[in-house]
Amino acid sequence: MPQDNMMKLECKECKRINYFSRKNKKTLKDRLEMSKYCKHCKKHTLHKETK
């Protein structure tokens, strides 16, 4: 699994990194945002891609 497509997803409320994923950087140029479950907040929150 190449490391250059890896991205981290950070919770917008508690600012903790909860998920790691991959994306195709050639087709998706902008940063990804999706609703995921945060185990620290104990609810679904918006998660944003970080470096």
PDB file of N, CA and C in Angstrom:
ATOM      1  N   MET A   1       0.851  -1.184   0.000  1.00  0.00           N
ATOM      2  CA  MET A   1       0.000   0.000   0.000  1.00  0.00           C
ATOM      3  C   MET A   1       0.892   1.241   0.000  1.00  0.00           C
ATOM      4  N   PRO A   2       0.848   2.024  -1.078  1.00  0.00           N
ATOM      5  CA  PRO A   2       1.717   3.205  -1.146  1.00  0.00           C
ATOM      6  C   PRO A   2       1.306   4.280  -0.148  1.00  0.00           C
ATOM      7  N   GLN A   3       2.301   4.917   0.409  1.00  0.00           N
ATOM      8  CA  GLN A   3       2.061   5.927   1.438  1.00  0.00           C
ATOM      9  C   GLN A   3       1.631   7.273   0.852  1.00  0.00           C
ATOM     10  N   ASP A   4       1.863   7.500  -0.429  1.00  0.00           N
ATOM     11  CA  ASP A   4       1.550   8.818  -0.983  1.00  0.00           C
ATOM     12  C   ASP A   4       0.052   9.049  -1.157  1.00  0.00           C
ATOM     13  N   ASN A   5      -0.787   7.991  -1.213  1.00  0.00           N
ATOM     14  CA  ASN A   5      -2.236   8.213  -1.308  1.00  0.00           C
ATOM     15  C   ASN A   5      -2.915   8.201   0.052  1.00  0.00           C
ATOM     16  N   MET A   6      -2.182   7.997   1.122  1.00  0.00           N
ATOM     17  CA  MET A   6      -2.795   7.922   2.444  1.00  0.00           C
ATOM     18  C   MET A   6      -3.244   9.308   2.906  1.00  0.00           C
ATOM     19  N   MET A   7      -4.370   9.328   3.611  1.00  0.00           N
ATOM     20  CA  MET A   7      -4.866  10.572   4.191  1.00  0.00           C
ATOM     21  C   MET A   7      -5.425  10.288   5.576  1.00  0.00           C
ATOM     22  N   LYS A   8      -5.442  11.307   6.402  1.00  0.00           N
ATOM     23  CA  LYS A   8      -5.992  11.192   7.759  1.00  0.00           C
ATOM     24  C   LYS A   8      -7.295  11.966   7.808  1.00  0.00           C
ATOM     25  N   LEU A   9      -8.251  11.439   8.545  1.00  0.00           N
ATOM     26  CA  LEU A   9      -9.524  12.137   8.746  1.00  0.00           C
ATOM     27  C   LEU A   9      -9.613  12.575  10.202  1.00  0.00           C
ATOM     28  N   GLU A  10      -9.795  13.869  10.397  1.00  0.00           N
ATOM     29  CA  GLU A  10      -9.805  14.463  11.729  1.00  0.00           C
ATOM     30  C   GLU A  10     -11.204  14.978  12.055  1.00  0.00           C
ATOM     31  N   CYS A  11     -11.642  14.719  13.259  1.00  0.00           N
ATOM     32  CA  CYS A  11     -12.945  15.198  13.722  1.00  0.00           C
ATOM     33  C   CYS A  11     -12.896  16.721  13.849  1.00  0.00           C
ATOM     34  N   LYS A  12     -13.935  17.372  13.363  1.00  0.00           N
ATOM     35  CA  LYS A  12     -13.970  18.839  13.421  1.00  0.00           C
ATOM     36  C   LYS A  12     -14.307  19.354  14.812  1.00  0.00           C
ATOM     37  N   GLU A  13     -14.902  18.521  15.652  1.00  0.00           N
ATOM     38  CA  GLU A  13     -15.282  18.980  16.997  1.00  0.00           C
ATOM     39  C   GLU A  13     -14.154  18.805  18.012  1.00  0.00           C
ATOM     40  N   CYS A  14     -13.594  17.603  18.091  1.00  0.00           N
ATOM     41  CA  CYS A  14     -12.556  17.365  19.104  1.00  0.00           C
ATOM     42  C   CYS A  14     -11.137  17.408  18.533  1.00  0.00           C
ATOM     43  N   LYS A  15     -11.007  17.535  17.194  1.00  0.00           N
ATOM     44  CA  LYS A  15      -9.714  17.676  16.509  1.00  0.00           C
ATOM     45  C   LYS A  15      -8.799  16.454  16.662  1.00  0.00           C
ATOM     46  N   ARG A  16      -9.382  15.288  16.856  1.00  0.00           N
ATOM     47  CA  ARG A  16      -8.582  14.064  16.954  1.00  0.00           C
ATOM     48  C   ARG A  16      -8.646  13.286  15.649  1.00  0.00           C
ATOM     49  N   ILE A  17      -7.558  12.627  15.325  1.00  0.00           N
ATOM     50  CA  ILE A  17      -7.501  11.825  14.096  1.00  0.00           C
ATOM     51  C   ILE A  17      -8.052  10.445  14.410  1.00  0.00           C
ATOM     52  N   ASN A  18      -9.147  10.088  13.721  1.00  0.00           N
ATOM     53  CA  ASN A  18      -9.830   8.839  13.999  1.00  0.00           C
ATOM     54  C   ASN A  18      -9.730   7.820  12.883  1.00  0.00           C
ATOM     55  N   TYR A  19      -9.564   8.267  11.654  1.00  0.00           N
ATOM     56  CA  TYR A  19      -9.590   7.366  10.506  1.00  0.00           C
ATOM     57  C   TYR A  19      -8.423   7.633   9.572  1.00  0.00           C
ATOM     58  N   PHE A  20      -7.977   6.566   8.899  1.00  0.00           N
ATOM     59  CA  PHE A  20      -6.982   6.644   7.843  1.00  0.00           C
ATOM     60  C   PHE A  20      -7.595   6.016   6.601  1.00  0.00           C
ATOM     61  N   SER A  21      -7.340   6.612   5.469  1.00  0.00           N
ATOM     62  CA  SER A  21      -7.927   6.098   4.234  1.00  0.00           C
ATOM     63  C   SER A  21      -7.005   6.443   3.069  1.00  0.00           C
ATOM     64  N   ARG A  22      -7.397   5.991   1.879  1.00  0.00           N
ATOM     65  CA  ARG A  22      -6.657   6.307   0.664  1.00  0.00           C
ATOM     66  C   ARG A  22      -7.583   7.017  -0.303  1.00  0.00           C
ATOM     67  N   LYS A  23      -6.990   7.820  -1.172  1.00  0.00           N
ATOM     68  CA  LYS A  23      -7.779   8.452  -2.222  1.00  0.00           C
ATOM     69  C   LYS A  23      -6.917   8.632  -3.457  1.00  0.00           C
ATOM     70  N   ASN A  24      -7.584   8.740  -4.589  1.00  0.00           N
ATOM     71  CA  ASN A  24      -6.897   8.988  -5.840  1.00  0.00           C
ATOM     72  C   ASN A  24      -6.695  10.498  -5.977  1.00  0.00           C
ATOM     73  N   LYS A  25      -5.464  10.952  -5.863  1.00  0.00           N
ATOM     74  CA  LYS A  25      -5.182  12.387  -5.877  1.00  0.00           C
ATOM     75  C   LYS A  25      -5.294  12.999  -7.264  1.00  0.00           C
ATOM     76  N   LYS A  26      -5.283  12.161  -8.297  1.00  0.00           N
ATOM     77  CA  LYS A  26      -5.436  12.684  -9.655  1.00  0.00           C
ATOM     78  C   LYS A  26      -6.877  13.067  -9.952  1.00  0.00           C
ATOM     79  N   THR A  27      -7.835  12.344  -9.391  1.00  0.00           N
ATOM     80  CA  THR A  27      -9.239  12.634  -9.659  1.00  0.00           C
ATOM     81  C   THR A  27      -9.856  13.533  -8.593  1.00  0.00           C
ATOM     82  N   LEU A  28      -9.404  13.443  -7.343  1.00  0.00           N
ATOM     83  CA  LEU A  28      -9.945  14.252  -6.247  1.00  0.00           C
ATOM     84  C   LEU A  28      -8.891  15.249  -5.792  1.00  0.00           C
ATOM     85  N   LYS A  29      -9.014  16.483  -6.249  1.00  0.00           N
ATOM     86  CA  LYS A  29      -8.013  17.509  -5.930  1.00  0.00           C
ATOM     87  C   LYS A  29      -8.269  18.187  -4.589  1.00  0.00           C
ATOM     88  N   ASP A  30      -9.533  18.418  -4.255  1.00  0.00           N
ATOM     89  CA  ASP A  30      -9.843  19.153  -3.026  1.00  0.00           C
ATOM     90  C   ASP A  30      -9.894  18.207  -1.823  1.00  0.00           C
ATOM     91  N   ARG A  31      -9.926  18.796  -0.654  1.00  0.00           N
ATOM     92  CA  ARG A  31      -9.944  18.009   0.583  1.00  0.00           C
ATOM     93  C   ARG A  31     -11.304  17.377   0.821  1.00  0.00           C
ATOM     94  N   LEU A  32     -11.271  16.177   1.328  1.00  0.00           N
ATOM     95  CA  LEU A  32     -12.485  15.404   1.527  1.00  0.00           C
ATOM     96  C   LEU A  32     -13.101  15.715   2.890  1.00  0.00           C
ATOM     97  N   GLU A  33     -14.432  15.763   2.918  1.00  0.00           N
ATOM     98  CA  GLU A  33     -15.168  15.912   4.177  1.00  0.00           C
ATOM     99  C   GLU A  33     -16.302  14.911   4.170  1.00  0.00           C
ATOM    100  N   MET A  34     -16.431  14.165   5.263  1.00  0.00           N
ATOM    101  CA  MET A  34     -17.520  13.196   5.352  1.00  0.00           C
ATOM    102  C   MET A  34     -17.947  13.018   6.795  1.00  0.00           C
ATOM    103  N   SER A  35     -19.150  12.542   6.961  1.00  0.00           N
ATOM    104  CA  SER A  35     -19.690  12.307   8.292  1.00  0.00           C
ATOM    105  C   SER A  35     -19.299  10.910   8.742  1.00  0.00           C
ATOM    106  N   LYS A  36     -18.588  10.821   9.857  1.00  0.00           N
ATOM    107  CA  LYS A  36     -18.127   9.550  10.398  1.00  0.00           C
ATOM    108  C   LYS A  36     -18.395   9.541  11.901  1.00  0.00           C
ATOM    109  N   TYR A  37     -18.317   8.354  12.486  1.00  0.00           N
ATOM    110  CA  TYR A  37     -18.523   8.228  13.923  1.00  0.00           C
ATOM    111  C   TYR A  37     -17.223   8.529  14.661  1.00  0.00           C
ATOM    112  N   CYS A  38     -17.306   9.413  15.637  1.00  0.00           N
ATOM    113  CA  CYS A  38     -16.156   9.746  16.482  1.00  0.00           C
ATOM    114  C   CYS A  38     -16.332   9.045  17.819  1.00  0.00           C
ATOM    115  N   LYS A  39     -15.386   8.195  18.168  1.00  0.00           N
ATOM    116  CA  LYS A  39     -15.508   7.457  19.429  1.00  0.00           C
ATOM    117  C   LYS A  39     -15.222   8.338  20.642  1.00  0.00           C
ATOM    118  N   HIS A  40     -14.579   9.475  20.439  1.00  0.00           N
ATOM    119  CA  HIS A  40     -14.299  10.395  21.550  1.00  0.00           C
ATOM    120  C   HIS A  40     -15.506  11.284  21.848  1.00  0.00           C
ATOM    121  N   CYS A  41     -16.194  11.734  20.796  1.00  0.00           N
ATOM    122  CA  CYS A  41     -17.405  12.541  20.971  1.00  0.00           C
ATOM    123  C   CYS A  41     -18.633  11.662  21.189  1.00  0.00           C
ATOM    124  N   LYS A  42     -18.524  10.392  20.821  1.00  0.00           N
ATOM    125  CA  LYS A  42     -19.608   9.402  20.937  1.00  0.00           C
ATOM    126  C   LYS A  42     -20.829   9.772  20.087  1.00  0.00           C
ATOM    127  N   LYS A  43     -20.564  10.307  18.884  1.00  0.00           N
ATOM    128  CA  LYS A  43     -21.634  10.625  17.944  1.00  0.00           C
ATOM    129  C   LYS A  43     -21.037  10.806  16.546  1.00  0.00           C
ATOM    130  N   HIS A  44     -21.915  10.915  15.562  1.00  0.00           N
ATOM    131  CA  HIS A  44     -21.482  11.173  14.205  1.00  0.00           C
ATOM    132  C   HIS A  44     -21.158  12.659  14.053  1.00  0.00           C
ATOM    133  N   THR A  45     -19.966  12.925  13.558  1.00  0.00           N
ATOM    134  CA  THR A  45     -19.526  14.304  13.354  1.00  0.00           C
ATOM    135  C   THR A  45     -18.904  14.422  11.970  1.00  0.00           C
ATOM    136  N   LEU A  46     -18.666  15.639  11.550  1.00  0.00           N
ATOM    137  CA  LEU A  46     -18.013  15.886  10.287  1.00  0.00           C
ATOM    138  C   LEU A  46     -16.509  15.662  10.449  1.00  0.00           C
ATOM    139  N   HIS A  47     -15.938  14.874   9.565  1.00  0.00           N
ATOM    140  CA  HIS A  47     -14.502  14.606   9.576  1.00  0.00           C
ATOM    141  C   HIS A  47     -13.885  15.198   8.315  1.00  0.00           C
ATOM    142  N   LYS A  48     -12.753  15.867   8.499  1.00  0.00           N
ATOM    143  CA  LYS A  48     -12.100  16.562   7.407  1.00  0.00           C
ATOM    144  C   LYS A  48     -10.729  15.949   7.166  1.00  0.00           C
ATOM    145  N   GLU A  49     -10.326  15.944   5.916  1.00  0.00           N
ATOM    146  CA  GLU A  49      -9.009  15.407   5.561  1.00  0.00           C
ATOM    147  C   GLU A  49      -7.904  16.359   6.021  1.00  0.00           C
ATOM    148  N   THR A  50      -6.859  15.801   6.614  1.00  0.00           N
ATOM    149  CA  THR A  50      -5.696  16.588   7.021  1.00  0.00           C
ATOM    150  C   THR A  50      -4.465  16.046   6.318  1.00  0.00           C
ATOM    151  N   LYS A  51      -3.347  16.696   6.502  1.00  0.00           N
ATOM    152  CA  LYS A  51      -2.100  16.250   5.872  1.00  0.00           C
ATOM    153  C   LYS A  51      -1.530  15.037   6.574  1.00  0.00           C
TER     154      LYS A  51
END
